[in-house]
PDB file of all heavy atoms in Angstrom:
ATOM      1  N   ASP A   1      96.951  48.817  59.651  1.00  0.00           N
ATOM      2  CA  ASP A   1      96.568  48.658  58.240  1.00  0.00           C
ATOM      3  C   ASP A   1      97.376  47.496  57.679  1.00  0.00           C
ATOM      4  O   ASP A   1      98.586  47.619  57.466  1.00  0.00           O
ATOM      5  CB  ASP A   1      96.855  49.947  57.463  1.00  0.00           C
ATOM      6  CG  ASP A   1      96.521  49.797  55.987  1.00  0.00           C
ATOM      7  OD1 ASP A   1      95.676  48.949  55.659  1.00  0.00           O
ATOM      8  OD2 ASP A   1      97.118  50.542  55.178  1.00  0.00           O
ATOM      9  N   VAL A   2      96.696  46.377  57.479  1.00  0.00           N
ATOM     10  CA  VAL A   2      97.383  45.147  57.064  1.00  0.00           C
ATOM     11  C   VAL A   2      96.992  44.830  55.620  1.00  0.00           C
ATOM     12  O   VAL A   2      95.801  44.720  55.306  1.00  0.00           O
ATOM     13  CB  VAL A   2      97.027  43.961  57.986  1.00  0.00           C
ATOM     14  CG1 VAL A   2      97.812  42.720  57.572  1.00  0.00           C
ATOM     15  CG2 VAL A   2      97.301  44.314  59.451  1.00  0.00           C
ATOM     16  N   VAL A   3      97.994  44.699  54.737  1.00  0.00           N
ATOM     17  CA  VAL A   3      97.786  44.331  53.334  1.00  0.00           C
ATOM     18  C   VAL A   3      98.636  43.104  53.027  1.00  0.00           C
ATOM     19  O   VAL A   3      99.873  43.157  53.160  1.00  0.00           O
ATOM     20  CB  VAL A   3      98.160  45.490  52.383  1.00  0.00           C
ATOM     21  CG1 VAL A   3      97.961  45.057  50.931  1.00  0.00           C
ATOM     22  CG2 VAL A   3      97.330  46.726  52.690  1.00  0.00           C
ATOM     23  N   ASP A   4      97.989  42.006  52.606  1.00  0.00           N
ATOM     24  CA  ASP A   4      98.692  40.750  52.301  1.00  0.00           C
ATOM     25  C   ASP A   4      99.614  40.334  53.444  1.00  0.00           C
ATOM     26  O   ASP A   4     100.744  39.888  53.233  1.00  0.00           O
ATOM     27  CB  ASP A   4      99.502  40.888  50.998  1.00  0.00           C
ATOM     28  CG  ASP A   4      98.626  41.156  49.788  1.00  0.00           C
ATOM     29  OD1 ASP A   4      97.457  40.696  49.813  1.00  0.00           O
ATOM     30  OD2 ASP A   4      99.082  41.834  48.846  1.00  0.00           O
ATOM     31  N   GLY A   5      99.093  40.505  54.673  1.00  0.00           N
ATOM     32  CA  GLY A   5      99.851  40.074  55.842  1.00  0.00           C
ATOM     33  C   GLY A   5     100.952  41.028  56.271  1.00  0.00           C
ATOM     34  O   GLY A   5     101.646  40.758  57.248  1.00  0.00           O
ATOM     35  N   GLU A   6     101.104  42.138  55.554  1.00  0.00           N
ATOM     36  CA  GLU A   6     102.169  43.105  55.876  1.00  0.00           C
ATOM     37  C   GLU A   6     101.551  44.360  56.488  1.00  0.00           C
ATOM     38  O   GLU A   6     100.547  44.876  56.007  1.00  0.00           O
ATOM     39  CB  GLU A   6     102.927  43.480  54.604  1.00  0.00           C
ATOM     40  CG  GLU A   6     103.632  42.291  53.966  1.00  0.00           C
ATOM     41  CD  GLU A   6     105.132  42.316  54.214  1.00  0.00           C
ATOM     42  OE1 GLU A   6     105.638  43.358  54.633  1.00  0.00           O
ATOM     43  OE2 GLU A   6     105.752  41.287  53.993  1.00  0.00           O
ATOM     44  N   ILE A   7     102.150  44.869  57.567  1.00  0.00           N
ATOM     45  CA  ILE A   7     101.698  46.109  58.203  1.00  0.00           C
ATOM     46  C   ILE A   7     102.161  47.288  57.366  1.00  0.00           C
ATOM     47  O   ILE A   7     103.374  47.514  57.199  1.00  0.00           O
ATOM     48  CB  ILE A   7     102.238  46.225  59.645  1.00  0.00           C
ATOM     49  CG1 ILE A   7     101.856  45.005  60.474  1.00  0.00           C
ATOM     50  CG2 ILE A   7     101.721  47.507  60.292  1.00  0.00           C
ATOM     51  CD1 ILE A   7     100.395  44.846  60.685  1.00  0.00           C
ATOM     52  N   GLN A   8     101.203  48.039  56.831  1.00  0.00           N
ATOM     53  CA  GLN A   8     101.536  49.199  56.016  1.00  0.00           C
ATOM     54  C   GLN A   8     101.593  50.486  56.834  1.00  0.00           C
ATOM     55  O   GLN A   8     102.292  51.430  56.473  1.00  0.00           O
ATOM     56  CB  GLN A   8     100.486  49.361  54.907  1.00  0.00           C
ATOM     57  CG  GLN A   8     100.313  48.140  54.026  1.00  0.00           C
ATOM     58  CD  GLN A   8     101.607  47.790  53.296  1.00  0.00           C
ATOM     59  OE1 GLN A   8     102.268  48.670  52.732  1.00  0.00           O
ATOM     60  NE2 GLN A   8     101.970  46.515  53.317  1.00  0.00           N
ATOM     61  N   GLY A   9     100.884  50.502  57.900  1.00  0.00           N
ATOM     62  CA  GLY A   9     100.816  51.690  58.751  1.00  0.00           C
ATOM     63  C   GLY A   9      99.684  51.515  59.741  1.00  0.00           C
ATOM     64  O   GLY A   9      99.269  50.388  60.035  1.00  0.00           O
ATOM     65  N   LEU A  10      99.173  52.607  60.266  1.00  0.00           N
ATOM     66  CA  LEU A  10      98.058  52.505  61.222  1.00  0.00           C
ATOM     67  C   LEU A  10      97.141  53.717  61.093  1.00  0.00           C
ATOM     68  O   LEU A  10      97.575  54.831  60.767  1.00  0.00           O
ATOM     69  CB  LEU A  10      98.563  52.359  62.658  1.00  0.00           C
ATOM     70  CG  LEU A  10      99.514  53.420  63.212  1.00  0.00           C
ATOM     71  CD1 LEU A  10      98.716  54.504  63.914  1.00  0.00           C
ATOM     72  CD2 LEU A  10     100.495  52.798  64.196  1.00  0.00           C
ATOM     73  N   CYS A  11      95.870  53.461  61.326  1.00  0.00           N
ATOM     74  CA  CYS A  11      94.865  54.509  61.367  1.00  0.00           C
ATOM     75  C   CYS A  11      94.685  54.943  62.825  1.00  0.00           C
ATOM     76  O   CYS A  11      94.600  54.092  63.721  1.00  0.00           O
ATOM     77  CB  CYS A  11      93.540  54.005  60.824  1.00  0.00           C
ATOM     78  SG  CYS A  11      93.588  53.529  59.085  1.00  0.00           S
ATOM     79  N   VAL A  12      94.637  56.260  63.036  1.00  0.00           N
ATOM     80  CA  VAL A  12      94.509  56.804  64.391  1.00  0.00           C
ATOM     81  C   VAL A  12      93.196  57.577  64.483  1.00  0.00           C
ATOM     82  O   VAL A  12      92.952  58.499  63.708  1.00  0.00           O
ATOM     83  CB  VAL A  12      95.688  57.723  64.731  1.00  0.00           C
ATOM     84  CG1 VAL A  12      95.487  58.333  66.124  1.00  0.00           C
ATOM     85  CG2 VAL A  12      97.001  56.948  64.673  1.00  0.00           C
ATOM     86  N   LEU A  13      92.352  57.153  65.433  1.00  0.00           N
ATOM     87  CA  LEU A  13      91.076  57.833  65.689  1.00  0.00           C
ATOM     88  C   LEU A  13      91.076  58.301  67.140  1.00  0.00           C
ATOM     89  O   LEU A  13      91.255  57.496  68.059  1.00  0.00           O
ATOM     90  CB  LEU A  13      89.905  56.881  65.440  1.00  0.00           C
ATOM     91  CG  LEU A  13      88.518  57.370  65.872  1.00  0.00           C
ATOM     92  CD1 LEU A  13      88.090  58.580  65.043  1.00  0.00           C
ATOM     93  CD2 LEU A  13      87.484  56.248  65.759  1.00  0.00           C
ATOM     94  N   VAL A  14      90.894  59.600  67.346  1.00  0.00           N
ATOM     95  CA  VAL A  14      90.858  60.169  68.694  1.00  0.00           C
ATOM     96  C   VAL A  14      89.512  60.863  68.881  1.00  0.00           C
ATOM     97  O   VAL A  14      89.191  61.822  68.155  1.00  0.00           O
ATOM     98  CB  VAL A  14      92.003  61.167  68.925  1.00  0.00           C
ATOM     99  CG1 VAL A  14      91.937  61.725  70.345  1.00  0.00           C
ATOM    100  CG2 VAL A  14      93.355  60.493  68.683  1.00  0.00           C
ATOM    101  N   SER A  15      88.692  60.381  69.836  1.00  0.00           N
ATOM    102  CA  SER A  15      87.352  60.918  70.063  1.00  0.00           C
ATOM    103  C   SER A  15      87.283  61.611  71.417  1.00  0.00           C
ATOM    104  O   SER A  15      87.787  61.088  72.430  1.00  0.00           O
ATOM    105  CB  SER A  15      86.302  59.800  70.014  1.00  0.00           C
ATOM    106  OG  SER A  15      86.351  59.116  68.769  1.00  0.00           O
ATOM    107  N   ASP A  16      86.649  62.768  71.454  1.00  0.00           N
ATOM    108  CA  ASP A  16      86.453  63.509  72.704  1.00  0.00           C
ATOM    109  C   ASP A  16      85.283  62.886  73.463  1.00  0.00           C
ATOM    110  O   ASP A  16      84.139  62.914  73.002  1.00  0.00           O
ATOM    111  CB  ASP A  16      86.159  64.975  72.388  1.00  0.00           C
ATOM    112  CG  ASP A  16      86.071  65.844  73.644  1.00  0.00           C
ATOM    113  OD1 ASP A  16      86.097  65.279  74.754  1.00  0.00           O
ATOM    114  OD2 ASP A  16      85.983  67.076  73.506  1.00  0.00           O
ATOM    115  N   ILE A  17      85.569  62.320  74.633  1.00  0.00           N
ATOM    116  CA  ILE A  17      84.514  61.681  75.435  1.00  0.00           C
ATOM    117  C   ILE A  17      84.315  62.424  76.752  1.00  0.00           C
ATOM    118  O   ILE A  17      83.802  61.866  77.718  1.00  0.00           O
ATOM    119  CB  ILE A  17      84.844  60.196  75.706  1.00  0.00           C
ATOM    120  CG1 ILE A  17      86.191  60.062  76.440  1.00  0.00           C
ATOM    121  CG2 ILE A  17      84.858  59.399  74.404  1.00  0.00           C
ATOM    122  CD1 ILE A  17      86.476  58.651  76.911  1.00  0.00           C
ATOM    123  N   THR A  18      84.701  63.706  76.781  1.00  0.00           N
ATOM    124  CA  THR A  18      84.579  64.483  78.017  1.00  0.00           C
ATOM    125  C   THR A  18      83.141  64.531  78.495  1.00  0.00           C
ATOM    126  O   THR A  18      82.853  64.304  79.676  1.00  0.00           O
ATOM    127  CB  THR A  18      85.104  65.910  77.800  1.00  0.00           C
ATOM    128  OG1 THR A  18      86.461  65.851  77.341  1.00  0.00           O
ATOM    129  CG2 THR A  18      85.040  66.711  79.088  1.00  0.00           C
ATOM    130  N   THR A  19      82.206  64.820  77.588  1.00  0.00           N
ATOM    131  CA  THR A  19      80.794  64.906  77.968  1.00  0.00           C
ATOM    132  C   THR A  19      80.286  63.562  78.484  1.00  0.00           C
ATOM    133  O   THR A  19      79.542  63.503  79.478  1.00  0.00           O
ATOM    134  CB  THR A  19      79.953  65.359  76.771  1.00  0.00           C
ATOM    135  OG1 THR A  19      80.432  66.630  76.308  1.00  0.00           O
ATOM    136  CG2 THR A  19      78.492  65.499  77.153  1.00  0.00           C
ATOM    137  N   LEU A  20      80.712  62.489  77.810  1.00  0.00           N
ATOM    138  CA  LEU A  20      80.302  61.162  78.277  1.00  0.00           C
ATOM    139  C   LEU A  20      80.868  60.868  79.655  1.00  0.00           C
ATOM    140  O   LEU A  20      80.190  60.276  80.507  1.00  0.00           O
ATOM    141  CB  LEU A  20      80.766  60.095  77.275  1.00  0.00           C
ATOM    142  CG  LEU A  20      80.093  60.116  75.900  1.00  0.00           C
ATOM    143  CD1 LEU A  20      80.716  59.055  74.996  1.00  0.00           C
ATOM    144  CD2 LEU A  20      78.592  59.882  76.038  1.00  0.00           C
ATOM    145  N   LYS A  21      82.122  61.271  79.873  1.00  0.00           N
ATOM    146  CA  LYS A  21      82.745  61.059  81.176  1.00  0.00           C
ATOM    147  C   LYS A  21      82.003  61.832  82.265  1.00  0.00           C
ATOM    148  O   LYS A  21      81.756  61.310  83.358  1.00  0.00           O
ATOM    149  CB  LYS A  21      84.216  61.511  81.132  1.00  0.00           C
ATOM    150  CG  LYS A  21      85.162  60.487  80.576  1.00  0.00           C
ATOM    151  CD  LYS A  21      85.342  59.338  81.556  1.00  0.00           C
ATOM    152  CE  LYS A  21      86.417  58.373  81.101  1.00  0.00           C
ATOM    153  NZ  LYS A  21      86.583  57.256  82.046  1.00  0.00           N
ATOM    154  N   GLN A  22      81.675  63.087  81.956  1.00  0.00           N
ATOM    155  CA  GLN A  22      80.951  63.891  82.931  1.00  0.00           C
ATOM    156  C   GLN A  22      79.579  63.301  83.210  1.00  0.00           C
ATOM    157  O   GLN A  22      79.148  63.265  84.367  1.00  0.00           O
ATOM    158  CB  GLN A  22      80.831  65.328  82.416  1.00  0.00           C
ATOM    159  CG  GLN A  22      82.162  66.068  82.344  1.00  0.00           C
ATOM    160  CD  GLN A  22      82.047  67.415  81.639  1.00  0.00           C
ATOM    161  OE1 GLN A  22      81.065  67.684  80.958  1.00  0.00           O
ATOM    162  NE2 GLN A  22      83.063  68.257  81.812  1.00  0.00           N
ATOM    163  N   ALA A  23      78.913  62.842  82.151  1.00  0.00           N
ATOM    164  CA  ALA A  23      77.613  62.208  82.341  1.00  0.00           C
ATOM    165  C   ALA A  23      77.737  60.924  83.160  1.00  0.00           C
ATOM    166  O   ALA A  23      76.914  60.636  84.032  1.00  0.00           O
ATOM    167  CB  ALA A  23      76.965  61.918  80.989  1.00  0.00           C
ATOM    168  N   ASP A  24      78.795  60.171  82.870  1.00  0.00           N
ATOM    169  CA  ASP A  24      79.027  58.930  83.611  1.00  0.00           C
ATOM    170  C   ASP A  24      79.294  59.225  85.077  1.00  0.00           C
ATOM    171  O   ASP A  24      78.780  58.532  85.969  1.00  0.00           O
ATOM    172  CB  ASP A  24      80.202  58.183  82.996  1.00  0.00           C
ATOM    173  CG  ASP A  24      80.482  56.866  83.711  1.00  0.00           C
ATOM    174  OD1 ASP A  24      79.621  55.974  83.663  1.00  0.00           O
ATOM    175  OD2 ASP A  24      81.567  56.739  84.330  1.00  0.00           O
ATOM    176  N   GLU A  25      80.076  60.267  85.345  1.00  0.00           N
ATOM    177  CA  GLU A  25      80.358  60.639  86.730  1.00  0.00           C
ATOM    178  C   GLU A  25      79.084  61.095  87.423  1.00  0.00           C
ATOM    179  O   GLU A  25      78.863  60.790  88.606  1.00  0.00           O
ATOM    180  CB  GLU A  25      81.411  61.741  86.768  1.00  0.00           C
ATOM    181  CG  GLU A  25      82.807  61.267  86.365  1.00  0.00           C
ATOM    182  CD  GLU A  25      83.814  62.413  86.318  1.00  0.00           C
ATOM    183  OE1 GLU A  25      83.416  63.553  86.649  1.00  0.00           O
ATOM    184  OE2 GLU A  25      84.977  62.170  85.952  1.00  0.00           O
ATOM    185  N   GLN A  26      78.244  61.834  86.687  1.00  0.00           N
ATOM    186  CA  GLN A  26      76.989  62.289  87.269  1.00  0.00           C
ATOM    187  C   GLN A  26      76.078  61.103  87.586  1.00  0.00           C
ATOM    188  O   GLN A  26      75.423  61.065  88.621  1.00  0.00           O
ATOM    189  CB  GLN A  26      76.281  63.249  86.308  1.00  0.00           C
ATOM    190  CG  GLN A  26      75.046  63.911  86.892  1.00  0.00           C
ATOM    191  CD  GLN A  26      75.366  64.782  88.081  1.00  0.00           C
ATOM    192  OE1 GLN A  26      76.356  65.494  88.082  1.00  0.00           O
ATOM    193  NE2 GLN A  26      74.534  64.712  89.119  1.00  0.00           N
ATOM    194  N   ILE A  27      76.054  60.141  86.670  1.00  0.00           N
ATOM    195  CA  ILE A  27      75.244  58.941  86.897  1.00  0.00           C
ATOM    196  C   ILE A  27      75.778  58.164  88.099  1.00  0.00           C
ATOM    197  O   ILE A  27      75.003  57.691  88.945  1.00  0.00           O
ATOM    198  CB  ILE A  27      75.239  58.058  85.635  1.00  0.00           C
ATOM    199  CG1 ILE A  27      74.458  58.744  84.511  1.00  0.00           C
ATOM    200  CG2 ILE A  27      74.648  56.685  85.939  1.00  0.00           C
ATOM    201  CD1 ILE A  27      74.539  58.030  83.188  1.00  0.00           C
ATOM    202  N   ARG A  28      77.098  58.050  88.167  1.00  0.00           N
ATOM    203  CA  ARG A  28      77.697  57.337  89.310  1.00  0.00           C
ATOM    204  C   ARG A  28      77.394  58.062  90.623  1.00  0.00           C
ATOM    205  O   ARG A  28      77.108  57.435  91.646  1.00  0.00           O
ATOM    206  CB  ARG A  28      79.203  57.209  89.118  1.00  0.00           C
ATOM    207  CG  ARG A  28      79.609  56.245  88.008  1.00  0.00           C
ATOM    208  CD  ARG A  28      81.124  56.212  87.831  1.00  0.00           C
ATOM    209  NE  ARG A  28      81.511  55.348  86.747  1.00  0.00           N
ATOM    210  CZ  ARG A  28      81.756  54.048  86.879  1.00  0.00           C
ATOM    211  NH1 ARG A  28      81.642  53.487  88.080  1.00  0.00           N
ATOM    212  NH2 ARG A  28      82.110  53.314  85.836  1.00  0.00           N
ATOM    213  N   LEU A  29      77.482  59.408  90.573  1.00  0.00           N
ATOM    214  CA  LEU A  29      77.182  60.185  91.776  1.00  0.00           C
ATOM    215  C   LEU A  29      75.729  60.000  92.179  1.00  0.00           C
ATOM    216  O   LEU A  29      75.422  59.783  93.360  1.00  0.00           O
ATOM    217  CB  LEU A  29      77.483  61.664  91.522  1.00  0.00           C
ATOM    218  CG  LEU A  29      77.141  62.635  92.664  1.00  0.00           C
ATOM    219  CD1 LEU A  29      77.940  62.281  93.909  1.00  0.00           C
ATOM    220  CD2 LEU A  29      77.412  64.077  92.247  1.00  0.00           C
ATOM    221  N   SER A  30      74.837  60.083  91.190  1.00  0.00           N
ATOM    222  CA  SER A  30      73.412  59.901  91.481  1.00  0.00           C
ATOM    223  C   SER A  30      73.138  58.508  92.033  1.00  0.00           C
ATOM    224  O   SER A  30      72.362  58.338  92.978  1.00  0.00           O
ATOM    225  CB  SER A  30      72.578  60.132  90.215  1.00  0.00           C
ATOM    226  OG  SER A  30      72.758  61.444  89.724  1.00  0.00           O
ATOM    227  N   ALA A  31      73.799  57.506  91.435  1.00  0.00           N
ATOM    228  CA  ALA A  31      73.626  56.127  91.909  1.00  0.00           C
ATOM    229  C   ALA A  31      74.148  55.980  93.335  1.00  0.00           C
ATOM    230  O   ALA A  31      73.546  55.282  94.162  1.00  0.00           O
ATOM    231  CB  ALA A  31      74.347  55.160  90.977  1.00  0.00           C
ATOM    232  N   SER A  32      75.271  56.670  93.619  1.00  0.00           N
ATOM    233  CA  SER A  32      75.835  56.605  94.965  1.00  0.00           C
ATOM    234  C   SER A  32      74.882  57.231  95.976  1.00  0.00           C
ATOM    235  O   SER A  32      74.652  56.685  97.067  1.00  0.00           O
ATOM    236  CB  SER A  32      77.191  57.318  95.000  1.00  0.00           C
ATOM    237  OG  SER A  32      77.706  57.363  96.313  1.00  0.00           O
ATOM    238  N   VAL A  33      74.320  58.397  95.615  1.00  0.00           N
ATOM    239  CA  VAL A  33      73.356  59.052  96.496  1.00  0.00           C
ATOM    240  C   VAL A  33      72.142  58.159  96.685  1.00  0.00           C
ATOM    241  O   VAL A  33      71.623  57.995  97.798  1.00  0.00           O
ATOM    242  CB  VAL A  33      72.942  60.419  95.908  1.00  0.00           C
ATOM    243  CG1 VAL A  33      71.783  61.019  96.704  1.00  0.00           C
ATOM    244  CG2 VAL A  33      74.130  61.375  95.901  1.00  0.00           C
ATOM    245  N   PHE A  34      71.667  57.568  95.601  1.00  0.00           N
ATOM    246  CA  PHE A  34      70.502  56.685  95.638  1.00  0.00           C
ATOM    247  C   PHE A  34      70.738  55.506  96.580  1.00  0.00           C
ATOM    248  O   PHE A  34      69.874  55.153  97.388  1.00  0.00           O
ATOM    249  CB  PHE A  34      70.208  56.192  94.227  1.00  0.00           C
ATOM    250  CG  PHE A  34      68.942  55.389  94.100  1.00  0.00           C
ATOM    251  CD1 PHE A  34      67.715  56.020  93.979  1.00  0.00           C
ATOM    252  CD2 PHE A  34      68.978  54.004  94.093  1.00  0.00           C
ATOM    253  CE1 PHE A  34      66.538  55.282  93.849  1.00  0.00           C
ATOM    254  CE2 PHE A  34      67.821  53.256  93.976  1.00  0.00           C
ATOM    255  CZ  PHE A  34      66.590  53.899  93.855  1.00  0.00           C
ATOM    256  N   GLU A  35      71.929  54.921  96.481  1.00  0.00           N
ATOM    257  CA  GLU A  35      72.220  53.714  97.252  1.00  0.00           C
ATOM    258  C   GLU A  35      72.542  54.005  98.711  1.00  0.00           C
ATOM    259  O   GLU A  35      72.232  53.205  99.589  1.00  0.00           O
ATOM    260  CB  GLU A  35      73.390  52.956  96.610  1.00  0.00           C
ATOM    261  CG  GLU A  35      73.057  52.334  95.267  1.00  0.00           C
ATOM    262  CD  GLU A  35      72.003  51.251  95.375  1.00  0.00           C
ATOM    263  OE1 GLU A  35      72.035  50.490  96.369  1.00  0.00           O
ATOM    264  OE2 GLU A  35      71.151  51.160  94.480  1.00  0.00           O
ATOM    265  N   THR A  36      73.179  55.148  98.987  1.00  0.00           N
ATOM    266  CA  THR A  36      73.671  55.416 100.344  1.00  0.00           C
ATOM    267  C   THR A  36      72.787  56.363 101.136  1.00  0.00           C
ATOM    268  O   THR A  36      73.019  56.565 102.317  1.00  0.00           O
ATOM    269  CB  THR A  36      75.090  56.005 100.293  1.00  0.00           C
ATOM    270  OG1 THR A  36      75.071  57.253  99.566  1.00  0.00           O
ATOM    271  CG2 THR A  36      76.043  55.046  99.596  1.00  0.00           C
ATOM    272  N   SER A  37      71.765  56.939 100.495  1.00  0.00           N
ATOM    273  CA  SER A  37      70.898  57.881 101.198  1.00  0.00           C
ATOM    274  C   SER A  37      70.220  57.207 102.387  1.00  0.00           C
ATOM    275  O   SER A  37      69.779  56.057 102.315  1.00  0.00           O
ATOM    276  CB  SER A  37      69.836  58.424 100.236  1.00  0.00           C
ATOM    277  OG  SER A  37      68.890  59.205 100.940  1.00  0.00           O
ATOM    278  N   LEU A  38      70.146  57.937 103.494  1.00  0.00           N
ATOM    279  CA  LEU A  38      69.438  57.428 104.668  1.00  0.00           C
ATOM    280  C   LEU A  38      67.935  57.636 104.543  1.00  0.00           C
ATOM    281  O   LEU A  38      67.167  57.111 105.347  1.00  0.00           O
ATOM    282  CB  LEU A  38      69.950  58.134 105.930  1.00  0.00           C
ATOM    283  CG  LEU A  38      71.428  57.898 106.261  1.00  0.00           C
ATOM    284  CD1 LEU A  38      71.812  58.654 107.525  1.00  0.00           C
ATOM    285  CD2 LEU A  38      71.724  56.411 106.428  1.00  0.00           C
ATOM    286  N   GLU A  39      67.522  58.405 103.543  1.00  0.00           N
ATOM    287  CA  GLU A  39      66.103  58.597 103.278  1.00  0.00           C
ATOM    288  C   GLU A  39      65.652  57.592 102.219  1.00  0.00           C
ATOM    289  O   GLU A  39      66.398  57.280 101.294  1.00  0.00           O
ATOM    290  CB  GLU A  39      65.834  60.019 102.788  1.00  0.00           C
ATOM    291  CG  GLU A  39      66.084  61.085 103.836  1.00  0.00           C
ATOM    292  CD  GLU A  39      65.726  62.466 103.327  1.00  0.00           C
ATOM    293  OE1 GLU A  39      66.250  62.847 102.259  1.00  0.00           O
ATOM    294  OE2 GLU A  39      64.922  63.152 103.977  1.00  0.00           O
TER     295      GLU A  39
END
């Protein structure tokens, strides 16, 4: 938080991305199966 060039403090935002991570892992797993499948 900068006012007239001076740091007054900071804003902290913490977001839960567990579902996104799990979805990303699932997508990566699916992509891996897709790419490496012998079928």
